[in-house]
Amino acid sequence: MESIRLDEVANGVLGLFNRYPRLSGFSIDATLCVSDVALDCVDLPTRAVGAEISRMLVELVDENPDAAELLRGRTFVRTLH
């Protein structure tokens, strides 16, 4: 089994937040599906951003199968309040 470093997951998530400045956060359920996408505005199509998050997940897990366990059931947010 391949080992993945946490910074590889963090880089993928940070890349999404950098590409989508209005992305507030998103959740990944136990089956690795994007279960929630929060945006700061209505101008950005949630479905398109969700698809981009899914593409990042697939790419990350394809390259690093151990990433799946680091991603399951997590919520990623731009800022903690």
N, C-alpha and C. Protein backbone atom coordinates (compact mmCIF):
# COMPACT_ATOMS: atom_id res chain seq x y z
N MET A 1 0.84 -1.18 0.00
CA MET A 1 0.00 0.00 0.00
C MET A 1 0.88 1.25 0.00
N GLU A 2 0.57 2.16 -0.87
CA GLU A 2 1.34 3.40 -0.99
C GLU A 2 1.07 4.31 0.20
N SER A 3 2.08 5.03 0.61
CA SER A 3 1.92 5.98 1.70
C SER A 3 1.76 7.38 1.11
N ILE A 4 0.90 8.16 1.70
CA ILE A 4 0.69 9.54 1.24
C ILE A 4 0.96 10.48 2.40
N ARG A 5 1.56 11.58 2.08
CA ARG A 5 1.81 12.60 3.10
C ARG A 5 0.62 13.54 3.14
N LEU A 6 0.36 14.03 4.32
CA LEU A 6 -0.75 14.97 4.49
C LEU A 6 -0.60 16.20 3.63
N ASP A 7 0.61 16.62 3.36
CA ASP A 7 0.79 17.84 2.56
C ASP A 7 0.32 17.64 1.12
N GLU A 8 0.28 16.40 0.64
CA GLU A 8 -0.23 16.15 -0.71
C GLU A 8 -1.74 16.39 -0.76
N VAL A 9 -2.43 15.97 0.29
CA VAL A 9 -3.87 16.22 0.37
C VAL A 9 -4.10 17.72 0.53
N ALA A 10 -3.34 18.34 1.42
CA ALA A 10 -3.48 19.78 1.66
C ALA A 10 -3.24 20.57 0.39
N ASN A 11 -2.25 20.19 -0.40
CA ASN A 11 -1.97 20.91 -1.65
C ASN A 11 -3.14 20.82 -2.62
N GLY A 12 -3.77 19.66 -2.71
CA GLY A 12 -4.94 19.52 -3.58
C GLY A 12 -6.09 20.39 -3.12
N VAL A 13 -6.35 20.41 -1.81
CA VAL A 13 -7.45 21.21 -1.26
C VAL A 13 -7.13 22.69 -1.41
N LEU A 14 -5.91 23.10 -1.08
CA LEU A 14 -5.54 24.51 -1.22
C LEU A 14 -5.63 24.97 -2.67
N GLY A 15 -5.28 24.10 -3.59
CA GLY A 15 -5.40 24.43 -5.01
C GLY A 15 -6.84 24.78 -5.38
N LEU A 16 -7.79 24.02 -4.83
CA LEU A 16 -9.20 24.32 -5.09
C LEU A 16 -9.59 25.68 -4.52
N PHE A 17 -9.18 25.94 -3.29
CA PHE A 17 -9.52 27.24 -2.69
C PHE A 17 -8.86 28.39 -3.45
N ASN A 18 -7.67 28.17 -3.99
CA ASN A 18 -7.00 29.22 -4.77
C ASN A 18 -7.71 29.45 -6.10
N ARG A 19 -8.17 28.38 -6.77
CA ARG A 19 -8.86 28.53 -8.05
C ARG A 19 -10.25 29.14 -7.89
N TYR A 20 -10.87 28.90 -6.74
CA TYR A 20 -12.22 29.38 -6.49
C TYR A 20 -12.24 30.22 -5.21
N PRO A 21 -11.91 31.50 -5.31
CA PRO A 21 -11.86 32.36 -4.13
C PRO A 21 -13.19 32.46 -3.38
N ARG A 22 -14.29 32.19 -4.05
CA ARG A 22 -15.61 32.25 -3.41
C ARG A 22 -16.01 30.92 -2.77
N LEU A 23 -15.18 29.89 -2.90
CA LEU A 23 -15.46 28.60 -2.27
C LEU A 23 -15.18 28.72 -0.78
N SER A 24 -16.23 28.53 0.03
CA SER A 24 -16.09 28.62 1.49
C SER A 24 -15.68 27.29 2.09
N GLY A 25 -16.21 26.21 1.51
CA GLY A 25 -15.88 24.89 2.04
C GLY A 25 -16.63 23.80 1.31
N PHE A 26 -16.28 22.56 1.63
CA PHE A 26 -16.96 21.41 1.06
C PHE A 26 -16.75 20.21 1.96
N SER A 27 -17.66 19.25 1.82
CA SER A 27 -17.57 18.02 2.60
C SER A 27 -17.45 16.83 1.67
N ILE A 28 -16.79 15.82 2.18
CA ILE A 28 -16.63 14.56 1.46
C ILE A 28 -17.21 13.48 2.36
N ASP A 29 -18.15 12.70 1.84
CA ASP A 29 -18.77 11.69 2.69
C ASP A 29 -17.94 10.41 2.75
N ALA A 30 -18.45 9.41 3.44
CA ALA A 30 -17.71 8.16 3.65
C ALA A 30 -17.45 7.41 2.36
N THR A 31 -18.23 7.68 1.31
CA THR A 31 -18.02 6.99 0.03
C THR A 31 -17.17 7.82 -0.93
N LEU A 32 -16.56 8.89 -0.40
CA LEU A 32 -15.71 9.80 -1.17
C LEU A 32 -16.49 10.63 -2.19
N CYS A 33 -17.76 10.85 -1.94
CA CYS A 33 -18.57 11.74 -2.79
C CYS A 33 -18.62 13.11 -2.15
N VAL A 34 -18.62 14.12 -2.99
CA VAL A 34 -18.77 15.49 -2.50
C VAL A 34 -20.21 15.63 -2.04
N SER A 35 -20.40 15.89 -0.73
CA SER A 35 -21.76 15.92 -0.20
C SER A 35 -22.27 17.32 0.05
N ASP A 36 -21.40 18.32 0.03
CA ASP A 36 -21.84 19.68 0.28
C ASP A 36 -20.79 20.64 -0.26
N VAL A 37 -21.24 21.68 -0.92
CA VAL A 37 -20.34 22.73 -1.41
C VAL A 37 -20.93 24.07 -0.97
N ALA A 38 -20.11 24.87 -0.27
CA ALA A 38 -20.57 26.17 0.21
C ALA A 38 -19.81 27.26 -0.53
N LEU A 39 -20.56 28.18 -1.14
CA LEU A 39 -19.98 29.29 -1.90
C LEU A 39 -20.41 30.62 -1.28
N ASP A 40 -19.55 31.62 -1.39
CA ASP A 40 -19.84 32.95 -0.86
C ASP A 40 -20.84 33.73 -1.71
N CYS A 41 -21.08 33.30 -2.92
CA CYS A 41 -21.97 34.05 -3.80
C CYS A 41 -22.77 33.09 -4.66
N VAL A 42 -23.78 33.61 -5.29
CA VAL A 42 -24.61 32.77 -6.16
C VAL A 42 -24.14 32.84 -7.61
N ASP A 43 -23.15 33.66 -7.89
CA ASP A 43 -22.67 33.80 -9.27
C ASP A 43 -21.93 32.56 -9.76
N LEU A 44 -21.34 31.82 -8.85
CA LEU A 44 -20.55 30.64 -9.20
C LEU A 44 -21.45 29.41 -9.21
N PRO A 45 -21.47 28.66 -10.29
CA PRO A 45 -22.34 27.48 -10.35
C PRO A 45 -21.82 26.37 -9.43
N THR A 46 -22.61 26.03 -8.42
CA THR A 46 -22.22 25.02 -7.44
C THR A 46 -21.89 23.69 -8.11
N ARG A 47 -22.64 23.32 -9.12
CA ARG A 47 -22.42 22.05 -9.80
C ARG A 47 -21.03 22.00 -10.45
N ALA A 48 -20.61 23.09 -11.07
CA ALA A 48 -19.29 23.15 -11.71
C ALA A 48 -18.18 23.04 -10.68
N VAL A 49 -18.33 23.72 -9.55
CA VAL A 49 -17.32 23.66 -8.50
C VAL A 49 -17.29 22.25 -7.90
N GLY A 50 -18.45 21.66 -7.69
CA GLY A 50 -18.52 20.29 -7.18
C GLY A 50 -17.84 19.31 -8.12
N ALA A 51 -18.01 19.51 -9.42
CA ALA A 51 -17.35 18.65 -10.40
C ALA A 51 -15.83 18.80 -10.34
N GLU A 52 -15.36 20.02 -10.13
CA GLU A 52 -13.92 20.27 -10.01
C GLU A 52 -13.37 19.61 -8.74
N ILE A 53 -14.12 19.68 -7.66
CA ILE A 53 -13.70 19.01 -6.42
C ILE A 53 -13.62 17.50 -6.66
N SER A 54 -14.62 16.95 -7.32
CA SER A 54 -14.62 15.52 -7.62
C SER A 54 -13.43 15.12 -8.48
N ARG A 55 -13.10 15.94 -9.48
CA ARG A 55 -11.94 15.65 -10.33
C ARG A 55 -10.65 15.63 -9.51
N MET A 56 -10.52 16.58 -8.58
CA MET A 56 -9.33 16.63 -7.73
C MET A 56 -9.25 15.37 -6.88
N LEU A 57 -10.40 14.94 -6.33
CA LEU A 57 -10.41 13.74 -5.49
C LEU A 57 -10.01 12.50 -6.27
N VAL A 58 -10.58 12.35 -7.45
CA VAL A 58 -10.26 11.19 -8.29
C VAL A 58 -8.78 11.17 -8.63
N GLU A 59 -8.25 12.31 -9.04
CA GLU A 59 -6.84 12.40 -9.39
C GLU A 59 -5.95 12.08 -8.18
N LEU A 60 -6.29 12.64 -7.04
CA LEU A 60 -5.50 12.42 -5.84
C LEU A 60 -5.52 10.96 -5.41
N VAL A 61 -6.69 10.35 -5.41
CA VAL A 61 -6.82 8.95 -4.99
C VAL A 61 -6.21 8.00 -6.02
N ASP A 62 -6.32 8.35 -7.32
CA ASP A 62 -5.68 7.52 -8.35
C ASP A 62 -4.17 7.50 -8.17
N GLU A 63 -3.60 8.66 -7.88
CA GLU A 63 -2.14 8.75 -7.71
C GLU A 63 -1.68 8.23 -6.36
N ASN A 64 -2.54 8.35 -5.34
CA ASN A 64 -2.19 7.97 -3.97
C ASN A 64 -3.38 7.29 -3.31
N PRO A 65 -3.54 5.98 -3.47
CA PRO A 65 -4.71 5.30 -2.92
C PRO A 65 -4.92 5.50 -1.42
N ASP A 66 -3.87 5.71 -0.66
CA ASP A 66 -4.01 5.93 0.78
C ASP A 66 -4.71 7.25 1.10
N ALA A 67 -4.79 8.15 0.13
CA ALA A 67 -5.45 9.43 0.35
C ALA A 67 -6.92 9.24 0.69
N ALA A 68 -7.52 8.17 0.21
CA ALA A 68 -8.94 7.93 0.45
C ALA A 68 -9.25 7.95 1.95
N GLU A 69 -8.42 7.34 2.75
CA GLU A 69 -8.66 7.30 4.19
C GLU A 69 -8.49 8.67 4.84
N LEU A 70 -7.65 9.52 4.27
CA LEU A 70 -7.48 10.87 4.81
C LEU A 70 -8.63 11.79 4.44
N LEU A 71 -9.37 11.44 3.39
CA LEU A 71 -10.43 12.29 2.88
C LEU A 71 -11.83 11.91 3.37
N ARG A 72 -12.03 10.64 3.65
CA ARG A 72 -13.38 10.15 4.02
C ARG A 72 -13.96 10.88 5.21
N GLY A 73 -15.20 11.34 5.04
CA GLY A 73 -15.95 11.94 6.13
C GLY A 73 -15.41 13.27 6.64
N ARG A 74 -14.63 13.95 5.83
CA ARG A 74 -14.04 15.22 6.26
C ARG A 74 -14.75 16.41 5.62
N THR A 75 -14.65 17.53 6.31
CA THR A 75 -15.11 18.80 5.79
C THR A 75 -13.90 19.72 5.70
N PHE A 76 -13.77 20.39 4.59
CA PHE A 76 -12.65 21.31 4.37
C PHE A 76 -13.24 22.71 4.25
N VAL A 77 -12.68 23.65 4.99
CA VAL A 77 -13.17 25.03 4.97
C VAL A 77 -12.01 25.99 4.76
N ARG A 78 -12.34 27.10 4.14
CA ARG A 78 -11.34 28.13 3.90
C ARG A 78 -10.89 28.75 5.22
N THR A 79 -11.84 29.07 6.10
CA THR A 79 -11.55 29.74 7.36
C THR A 79 -12.39 29.15 8.48
N LEU A 80 -11.78 28.88 9.60
CA LEU A 80 -12.52 28.46 10.78
C LEU A 80 -12.99 29.68 11.54
N HIS A 81 -14.23 29.65 11.99
CA HIS A 81 -14.78 30.77 12.76
C HIS A 81 -14.91 30.36 14.20
